[in-house]
Amino acid sequence: MIAFEHVGKRYGGRYEALANIDFRIRRGEMVFLTGHSGAGKSSLLRLIMRLERPSRGRVLVAGHDIGRLHVSQVPFYRRQIGVVFQDHQLLFDRSIYANVALPLEIQGVEPREAARRVRAALDKVGLLHREKALPIELSGGEQQRVGIARAVVNKPALLLADEPTGNLDPQLSADIMQLFEDFNRIGTTVMVASHDLALIARLHHRVLRLREGRLVADEEAA
């Protein structure tokens, strides 16, 4: 599903965020990406999202070298990926329903079909009963669930999450990770960047460890 081949990323021609990264992730796998602050986790995810291009090497997703995508192809590519951020990035002047519906609205999905998908996504994260609420009315954990519902409303083959539990307490963090495992069980490839080593250890999935921009460990699930 994802392959990094001797990937490096420099910013400004000097700062090396990633150096000679090599790994492969199989379709349907769940993988954690961890490392200290500044290790390169977010840079790596940005390459998969095609928000950045590698300075050298290749990033392949589903067999395609995404660094070679034409600019006109990038929006379509990004619609195939669900992304969850630490800060939710919700629109606070829109209802929960409208926030989750936004990707479908942008794509021009027919309203009846969009409604079916939105309510199915909200049901999966346990928030169907709050569809009319505004984000400000929800707790931090509930806001993160809305972000997850929005990320999966298109039924993406690949789900990426960048520190999705960074602002949550341990129990809420465990609940959010359970949702990622639930989506992985139905075939979604999941990659989660996290520094919560204790939580990662309890979940028994493959772990990629970065240190100063280098992949220093690739540990299979226990």
C-alpha atoms as a PDB file:
ATOM      1  CA  MET A   1       0.000   0.000   0.000  1.00  0.00           C
ATOM      2  CA  ILE A   2       2.800   2.448   0.961  1.00  0.00           C
ATOM      3  CA  ALA A   3       6.478   2.217   0.047  1.00  0.00           C
ATOM      4  CA  PHE A   4       9.301   4.617   0.870  1.00  0.00           C
ATOM      5  CA  GLU A   5      12.418   4.003  -1.223  1.00  0.00           C
ATOM      6  CA  HIS A   6      15.574   5.814  -0.023  1.00  0.00           C
ATOM      7  CA  VAL A   7      13.495   8.901   0.760  1.00  0.00           C
ATOM      8  CA  GLY A   8      15.079  12.117   1.963  1.00  0.00           C
ATOM      9  CA  LYS A   9      13.536  15.501   2.637  1.00  0.00           C
ATOM     10  CA  ARG A  10      15.387  18.779   3.035  1.00  0.00           C
ATOM     11  CA  TYR A  11      13.899  22.179   3.765  1.00  0.00           C
ATOM     12  CA  GLY A  12      15.608  25.326   2.563  1.00  0.00           C
ATOM     13  CA  GLY A  13      18.370  23.244   1.055  1.00  0.00           C
ATOM     14  CA  ARG A  14      19.981  22.747   4.476  1.00  0.00           C
ATOM     15  CA  TYR A  15      17.741  21.258   7.181  1.00  0.00           C
ATOM     16  CA  GLU A  16      17.423  17.505   6.658  1.00  0.00           C
ATOM     17  CA  ALA A  17      14.059  16.411   8.083  1.00  0.00           C
ATOM     18  CA  LEU A  18      14.259  12.851   6.718  1.00  0.00           C
ATOM     19  CA  ALA A  19      17.247  10.829   5.546  1.00  0.00           C
ATOM     20  CA  ASN A  20      17.307   7.563   3.547  1.00  0.00           C
ATOM     21  CA  ILE A  21      13.931   6.278   4.746  1.00  0.00           C
ATOM     22  CA  ASP A  22      13.016   2.781   3.538  1.00  0.00           C
ATOM     23  CA  PHE A  23       9.932   0.769   4.503  1.00  0.00           C
ATOM     24  CA  ARG A  24       6.812  -0.874   3.094  1.00  0.00           C
ATOM     25  CA  ILE A  25       3.334  -1.070   4.600  1.00  0.00           C
ATOM     26  CA  ARG A  26       1.002  -3.788   3.385  1.00  0.00           C
ATOM     27  CA  ARG A  27      -2.596  -3.120   2.403  1.00  0.00           C
ATOM     28  CA  GLY A  28      -4.836  -3.568   5.431  1.00  0.00           C
ATOM     29  CA  GLU A  29      -2.015  -3.131   7.960  1.00  0.00           C
ATOM     30  CA  MET A  30      -2.096  -0.861  11.026  1.00  0.00           C
ATOM     31  CA  VAL A  31       1.212   0.814  11.855  1.00  0.00           C
ATOM     32  CA  PHE A  32       2.368   3.317  14.462  1.00  0.00           C
ATOM     33  CA  LEU A  33       4.974   5.961  13.661  1.00  0.00           C
ATOM     34  CA  THR A  34       6.788   7.270  16.704  1.00  0.00           C
ATOM     35  CA  GLY A  35       9.818   9.292  17.737  1.00  0.00           C
ATOM     36  CA  HIS A  36      10.799  12.415  19.665  1.00  0.00           C
ATOM     37  CA  SER A  37       9.441  15.865  18.786  1.00  0.00           C
ATOM     38  CA  GLY A  38      11.180  16.900  15.577  1.00  0.00           C
ATOM     39  CA  ALA A  39      12.080  13.312  14.621  1.00  0.00           C
ATOM     40  CA  GLY A  40      10.325  13.683  11.265  1.00  0.00           C
ATOM     41  CA  LYS A  41       6.913  12.107  11.887  1.00  0.00           C
ATOM     42  CA  SER A  42       4.872  14.980  10.475  1.00  0.00           C
ATOM     43  CA  SER A  43       7.227  15.425   7.516  1.00  0.00           C
ATOM     44  CA  LEU A  44       6.790  11.759   6.650  1.00  0.00           C
ATOM     45  CA  LEU A  45       2.998  12.015   6.793  1.00  0.00           C
ATOM     46  CA  ARG A  46       3.065  15.179   4.679  1.00  0.00           C
ATOM     47  CA  LEU A  47       4.913  13.252   1.981  1.00  0.00           C
ATOM     48  CA  ILE A  48       2.202  10.572   1.956  1.00  0.00           C
ATOM     49  CA  MET A  49      -0.494  13.271   1.794  1.00  0.00           C
ATOM     50  CA  ARG A  50       1.417  14.836  -1.108  1.00  0.00           C
ATOM     51  CA  LEU A  51       1.637  18.139   0.752  1.00  0.00           C
ATOM     52  CA  GLU A  52       5.387  17.856   0.138  1.00  0.00           C
ATOM     53  CA  ARG A  53       7.580  16.115  -2.402  1.00  0.00           C
ATOM     54  CA  PRO A  54      10.685  14.150  -1.406  1.00  0.00           C
ATOM     55  CA  SER A  55      14.024  15.796  -2.059  1.00  0.00           C
ATOM     56  CA  ARG A  56      15.257  12.385  -3.160  1.00  0.00           C
ATOM     57  CA  GLY A  57      13.926   8.843  -3.401  1.00  0.00           C
ATOM     58  CA  ARG A  58      10.368   7.764  -4.129  1.00  0.00           C
ATOM     59  CA  VAL A  59       7.112   7.577  -2.196  1.00  0.00           C
ATOM     60  CA  LEU A  60       4.687   5.059  -3.683  1.00  0.00           C
ATOM     61  CA  VAL A  61       1.057   4.658  -2.685  1.00  0.00           C
ATOM     62  CA  ALA A  62      -0.909   1.793  -4.237  1.00  0.00           C
ATOM     63  CA  GLY A  63       1.972   1.344  -6.670  1.00  0.00           C
ATOM     64  CA  HIS A  64       1.995   4.954  -7.905  1.00  0.00           C
ATOM     65  CA  ASP A  65       4.944   7.326  -7.481  1.00  0.00           C
ATOM     66  CA  ILE A  66       2.999  10.195  -5.953  1.00  0.00           C
ATOM     67  CA  GLY A  67       5.912  12.601  -6.308  1.00  0.00           C
ATOM     68  CA  ARG A  68       5.321  12.457 -10.057  1.00  0.00           C
ATOM     69  CA  LEU A  69       1.625  13.281  -9.926  1.00  0.00           C
ATOM     70  CA  HIS A  70       0.668  16.276 -12.032  1.00  0.00           C
ATOM     71  CA  VAL A  71      -0.680  19.159  -9.973  1.00  0.00           C
ATOM     72  CA  SER A  72      -4.123  18.563 -11.512  1.00  0.00           C
ATOM     73  CA  GLN A  73      -4.116  14.979 -10.170  1.00  0.00           C
ATOM     74  CA  VAL A  74      -3.288  15.863  -6.569  1.00  0.00           C
ATOM     75  CA  PRO A  75      -6.818  16.826  -5.381  1.00  0.00           C
ATOM     76  CA  PHE A  76      -8.234  13.506  -6.623  1.00  0.00           C
ATOM     77  CA  TYR A  77      -5.388  11.611  -4.951  1.00  0.00           C
ATOM     78  CA  ARG A  78      -5.950  13.363  -1.621  1.00  0.00           C
ATOM     79  CA  ARG A  79      -9.631  12.461  -1.684  1.00  0.00           C
ATOM     80  CA  GLN A  80      -8.590   8.799  -1.472  1.00  0.00           C
ATOM     81  CA  ILE A  81      -6.950   9.398   1.924  1.00  0.00           C
ATOM     82  CA  GLY A  82      -8.596  10.104   5.274  1.00  0.00           C
ATOM     83  CA  VAL A  83      -6.601  12.404   7.548  1.00  0.00           C
ATOM     84  CA  VAL A  84      -7.082  13.042  11.282  1.00  0.00           C
ATOM     85  CA  PHE A  85      -5.253  15.926  12.969  1.00  0.00           C
ATOM     86  CA  GLN A  86      -4.455  16.581  16.626  1.00  0.00           C
ATOM     87  CA  ASP A  87      -6.339  19.901  16.636  1.00  0.00           C
ATOM     88  CA  HIS A  88      -9.429  18.498  14.852  1.00  0.00           C
ATOM     89  CA  GLN A  89      -9.574  21.416  12.335  1.00  0.00           C
ATOM     90  CA  LEU A  90     -13.351  21.629  12.640  1.00  0.00           C
ATOM     91  CA  LEU A  91     -15.421  24.565  11.411  1.00  0.00           C
ATOM     92  CA  PHE A  92     -16.956  25.993  14.567  1.00  0.00           C
ATOM     93  CA  ASP A  93     -19.730  27.874  12.755  1.00  0.00           C
ATOM     94  CA  ARG A  94     -21.102  24.639  11.262  1.00  0.00           C
ATOM     95  CA  SER A  95     -22.953  21.757  12.856  1.00  0.00           C
ATOM     96  CA  ILE A  96     -21.360  18.373  13.423  1.00  0.00           C
ATOM     97  CA  TYR A  97     -23.348  17.040  10.476  1.00  0.00           C
ATOM     98  CA  ALA A  98     -22.099  19.849   8.210  1.00  0.00           C
ATOM     99  CA  ASN A  99     -18.485  19.335   9.271  1.00  0.00           C
ATOM    100  CA  VAL A 100     -18.584  15.646   8.382  1.00  0.00           C
ATOM    101  CA  ALA A 101     -20.470  16.361   5.137  1.00  0.00           C
ATOM    102  CA  LEU A 102     -17.894  18.909   3.932  1.00  0.00           C
ATOM    103  CA  PRO A 103     -15.704  16.484   1.900  1.00  0.00           C
ATOM    104  CA  LEU A 104     -18.803  15.133   0.167  1.00  0.00           C
ATOM    105  CA  GLU A 105     -20.081  18.630  -0.493  1.00  0.00           C
ATOM    106  CA  ILE A 106     -16.772  19.547  -2.140  1.00  0.00           C
ATOM    107  CA  GLN A 107     -17.008  16.455  -4.347  1.00  0.00           C
ATOM    108  CA  GLY A 108     -20.578  17.218  -5.357  1.00  0.00           C
ATOM    109  CA  VAL A 109     -22.062  14.032  -3.905  1.00  0.00           C
ATOM    110  CA  GLU A 110     -25.847  13.924  -4.267  1.00  0.00           C
ATOM    111  CA  PRO A 111     -27.485  15.164  -1.012  1.00  0.00           C
ATOM    112  CA  ARG A 112     -29.421  11.981  -0.235  1.00  0.00           C
ATOM    113  CA  GLU A 113     -26.321   9.817  -0.660  1.00  0.00           C
ATOM    114  CA  ALA A 114     -24.264  12.329   1.333  1.00  0.00           C
ATOM    115  CA  ALA A 115     -26.779  12.182   4.179  1.00  0.00           C
ATOM    116  CA  ARG A 116     -26.578   8.386   4.254  1.00  0.00           C
ATOM    117  CA  ARG A 117     -22.774   8.433   4.382  1.00  0.00           C
ATOM    118  CA  VAL A 118     -22.570  11.189   7.001  1.00  0.00           C
ATOM    119  CA  ARG A 119     -24.995   9.472   9.357  1.00  0.00           C
ATOM    120  CA  ALA A 120     -23.223   6.129   8.895  1.00  0.00           C
ATOM    121  CA  ALA A 121     -19.877   7.756   9.771  1.00  0.00           C
ATOM    122  CA  LEU A 122     -21.320   9.526  12.813  1.00  0.00           C
ATOM    123  CA  ASP A 123     -22.924   6.291  13.958  1.00  0.00           C
ATOM    124  CA  LYS A 124     -19.557   4.486  13.769  1.00  0.00           C
ATOM    125  CA  VAL A 125     -17.956   7.040  16.099  1.00  0.00           C
ATOM    126  CA  GLY A 126     -20.943   7.120  18.450  1.00  0.00           C
ATOM    127  CA  LEU A 127     -22.109  10.666  17.694  1.00  0.00           C
ATOM    128  CA  LEU A 128     -25.188  10.241  15.523  1.00  0.00           C
ATOM    129  CA  HIS A 129     -27.309  11.718  18.324  1.00  0.00           C
ATOM    130  CA  ARG A 130     -25.209  14.931  18.267  1.00  0.00           C
ATOM    131  CA  GLU A 131     -25.416  15.664  14.535  1.00  0.00           C
ATOM    132  CA  LYS A 132     -27.149  19.030  15.078  1.00  0.00           C
ATOM    133  CA  ALA A 133     -24.735  20.235  17.759  1.00  0.00           C
ATOM    134  CA  LEU A 134     -21.939  22.749  17.169  1.00  0.00           C
ATOM    135  CA  PRO A 135     -18.335  21.700  17.841  1.00  0.00           C
ATOM    136  CA  ILE A 136     -18.094  24.101  20.806  1.00  0.00           C
ATOM    137  CA  GLU A 137     -20.796  22.033  22.550  1.00  0.00           C
ATOM    138  CA  LEU A 138     -18.658  18.880  22.438  1.00  0.00           C
ATOM    139  CA  SER A 139     -15.797  17.681  24.605  1.00  0.00           C
ATOM    140  CA  GLY A 140     -12.286  17.359  23.198  1.00  0.00           C
ATOM    141  CA  GLY A 141     -12.704  13.616  22.773  1.00  0.00           C
ATOM    142  CA  GLU A 142     -16.017  14.085  20.963  1.00  0.00           C
ATOM    143  CA  GLN A 143     -14.474  16.710  18.670  1.00  0.00           C
ATOM    144  CA  GLN A 144     -11.756  14.224  17.767  1.00  0.00           C
ATOM    145  CA  ARG A 145     -14.437  11.646  16.973  1.00  0.00           C
ATOM    146  CA  VAL A 146     -16.028  14.164  14.604  1.00  0.00           C
ATOM    147  CA  GLY A 147     -12.639  14.580  12.926  1.00  0.00           C
ATOM    148  CA  ILE A 148     -12.427  10.816  12.493  1.00  0.00           C
ATOM    149  CA  ALA A 149     -15.955  10.634  11.068  1.00  0.00           C
ATOM    150  CA  ARG A 150     -15.054  13.337   8.544  1.00  0.00           C
ATOM    151  CA  ALA A 151     -11.872  11.436   7.623  1.00  0.00           C
ATOM    152  CA  VAL A 152     -13.710   8.161   6.937  1.00  0.00           C
ATOM    153  CA  VAL A 153     -16.911   9.492   5.341  1.00  0.00           C
ATOM    154  CA  ASN A 154     -15.423   8.762   1.895  1.00  0.00           C
ATOM    155  CA  LYS A 155     -14.532   5.195   2.937  1.00  0.00           C
ATOM    156  CA  PRO A 156     -10.830   5.754   2.197  1.00  0.00           C
ATOM    157  CA  ALA A 157      -8.466   2.834   1.662  1.00  0.00           C
ATOM    158  CA  LEU A 158      -5.831   4.709   3.699  1.00  0.00           C
ATOM    159  CA  LEU A 159      -6.322   6.539   6.997  1.00  0.00           C
ATOM    160  CA  LEU A 160      -3.554   8.750   8.425  1.00  0.00           C
ATOM    161  CA  ALA A 161      -3.549  10.332  11.887  1.00  0.00           C
ATOM    162  CA  ASP A 162      -1.023  12.865  13.204  1.00  0.00           C
ATOM    163  CA  GLU A 163      -0.880  12.799  17.034  1.00  0.00           C
ATOM    164  CA  PRO A 164      -4.662  12.242  17.272  1.00  0.00           C
ATOM    165  CA  THR A 165      -4.611  11.723  21.056  1.00  0.00           C
ATOM    166  CA  GLY A 166      -2.092  14.416  21.976  1.00  0.00           C
ATOM    167  CA  ASN A 167      -4.621  16.548  23.876  1.00  0.00           C
ATOM    168  CA  LEU A 168      -6.673  13.742  25.432  1.00  0.00           C
ATOM    169  CA  ASP A 169      -6.542  11.911  28.748  1.00  0.00           C
ATOM    170  CA  PRO A 170      -5.492   8.223  28.812  1.00  0.00           C
ATOM    171  CA  GLN A 171      -9.014   6.763  28.708  1.00  0.00           C
ATOM    172  CA  LEU A 172     -10.137   8.979  25.829  1.00  0.00           C
ATOM    173  CA  SER A 173      -6.874   8.211  24.024  1.00  0.00           C
ATOM    174  CA  ALA A 174      -7.582   4.495  24.340  1.00  0.00           C
ATOM    175  CA  ASP A 175     -11.126   5.021  23.026  1.00  0.00           C
ATOM    176  CA  ILE A 176      -9.840   6.898  19.964  1.00  0.00           C
ATOM    177  CA  MET A 177      -7.262   4.200  19.232  1.00  0.00           C
ATOM    178  CA  GLN A 178     -10.032   1.617  19.481  1.00  0.00           C
ATOM    179  CA  LEU A 179     -11.828   3.431  16.668  1.00  0.00           C
ATOM    180  CA  PHE A 180      -8.729   3.241  14.479  1.00  0.00           C
ATOM    181  CA  GLU A 181      -8.501  -0.486  15.198  1.00  0.00           C
ATOM    182  CA  ASP A 182     -12.174  -0.887  14.289  1.00  0.00           C
ATOM    183  CA  PHE A 183     -11.608   0.722  10.891  1.00  0.00           C
ATOM    184  CA  ASN A 184      -8.474  -1.356  10.371  1.00  0.00           C
ATOM    185  CA  ARG A 185     -10.459  -4.553  11.003  1.00  0.00           C
ATOM    186  CA  ILE A 186     -12.714  -3.796   8.033  1.00  0.00           C
ATOM    187  CA  GLY A 187      -9.713  -3.472   5.718  1.00  0.00           C
ATOM    188  CA  THR A 188      -8.585   0.149   6.000  1.00  0.00           C
ATOM    189  CA  THR A 189      -4.822   0.670   6.039  1.00  0.00           C
ATOM    190  CA  VAL A 190      -4.078   2.833   9.096  1.00  0.00           C
ATOM    191  CA  MET A 191      -0.944   4.807   9.995  1.00  0.00           C
ATOM    192  CA  VAL A 192      -0.887   6.732  13.280  1.00  0.00           C
ATOM    193  CA  ALA A 193       1.896   9.094  14.360  1.00  0.00           C
ATOM    194  CA  SER A 194       2.064   9.204  18.148  1.00  0.00           C
ATOM    195  CA  HIS A 195       4.526   9.801  20.983  1.00  0.00           C
ATOM    196  CA  ASP A 196       2.364   7.904  23.518  1.00  0.00           C
ATOM    197  CA  LEU A 197       4.682   4.918  23.906  1.00  0.00           C
ATOM    198  CA  ALA A 198       2.706   3.323  26.739  1.00  0.00           C
ATOM    199  CA  LEU A 199      -0.501   3.284  24.714  1.00  0.00           C
ATOM    200  CA  ILE A 200       1.295   2.013  21.604  1.00  0.00           C
ATOM    201  CA  ALA A 201       2.845  -0.849  23.592  1.00  0.00           C
ATOM    202  CA  ARG A 202      -0.584  -2.010  24.762  1.00  0.00           C
ATOM    203  CA  LEU A 203      -2.012  -2.220  21.240  1.00  0.00           C
ATOM    204  CA  HIS A 204       0.450  -4.685  19.701  1.00  0.00           C
ATOM    205  CA  HIS A 205       0.817  -3.309  16.178  1.00  0.00           C
ATOM    206  CA  ARG A 206       3.885  -2.725  14.043  1.00  0.00           C
ATOM    207  CA  VAL A 207       5.938   0.311  15.100  1.00  0.00           C
ATOM    208  CA  LEU A 208       8.261   2.467  12.956  1.00  0.00           C
ATOM    209  CA  ARG A 209      10.623   4.550  15.106  1.00  0.00           C
ATOM    210  CA  LEU A 210      12.265   7.738  13.871  1.00  0.00           C
ATOM    211  CA  ARG A 211      15.216   9.517  15.418  1.00  0.00           C
ATOM    212  CA  GLU A 212      16.615  12.750  13.975  1.00  0.00           C
ATOM    213  CA  GLY A 213      15.025  12.046  10.607  1.00  0.00           C
ATOM    214  CA  ARG A 214      16.203   8.445  10.331  1.00  0.00           C
ATOM    215  CA  LEU A 215      14.299   5.202  10.647  1.00  0.00           C
ATOM    216  CA  VAL A 216      16.056   3.480  13.553  1.00  0.00           C
ATOM    217  CA  ALA A 217      13.650   0.599  14.212  1.00  0.00           C
ATOM    218  CA  ASP A 218      10.914  -1.323  12.417  1.00  0.00           C
ATOM    219  CA  GLU A 219       9.275  -3.534  15.024  1.00  0.00           C
ATOM    220  CA  GLU A 220       6.669  -6.069  13.993  1.00  0.00           C
ATOM    221  CA  ALA A 221       3.546  -6.565  16.111  1.00  0.00           C
ATOM    222  CA  ALA A 222       4.212  -8.603  19.249  1.00  0.00           C
END
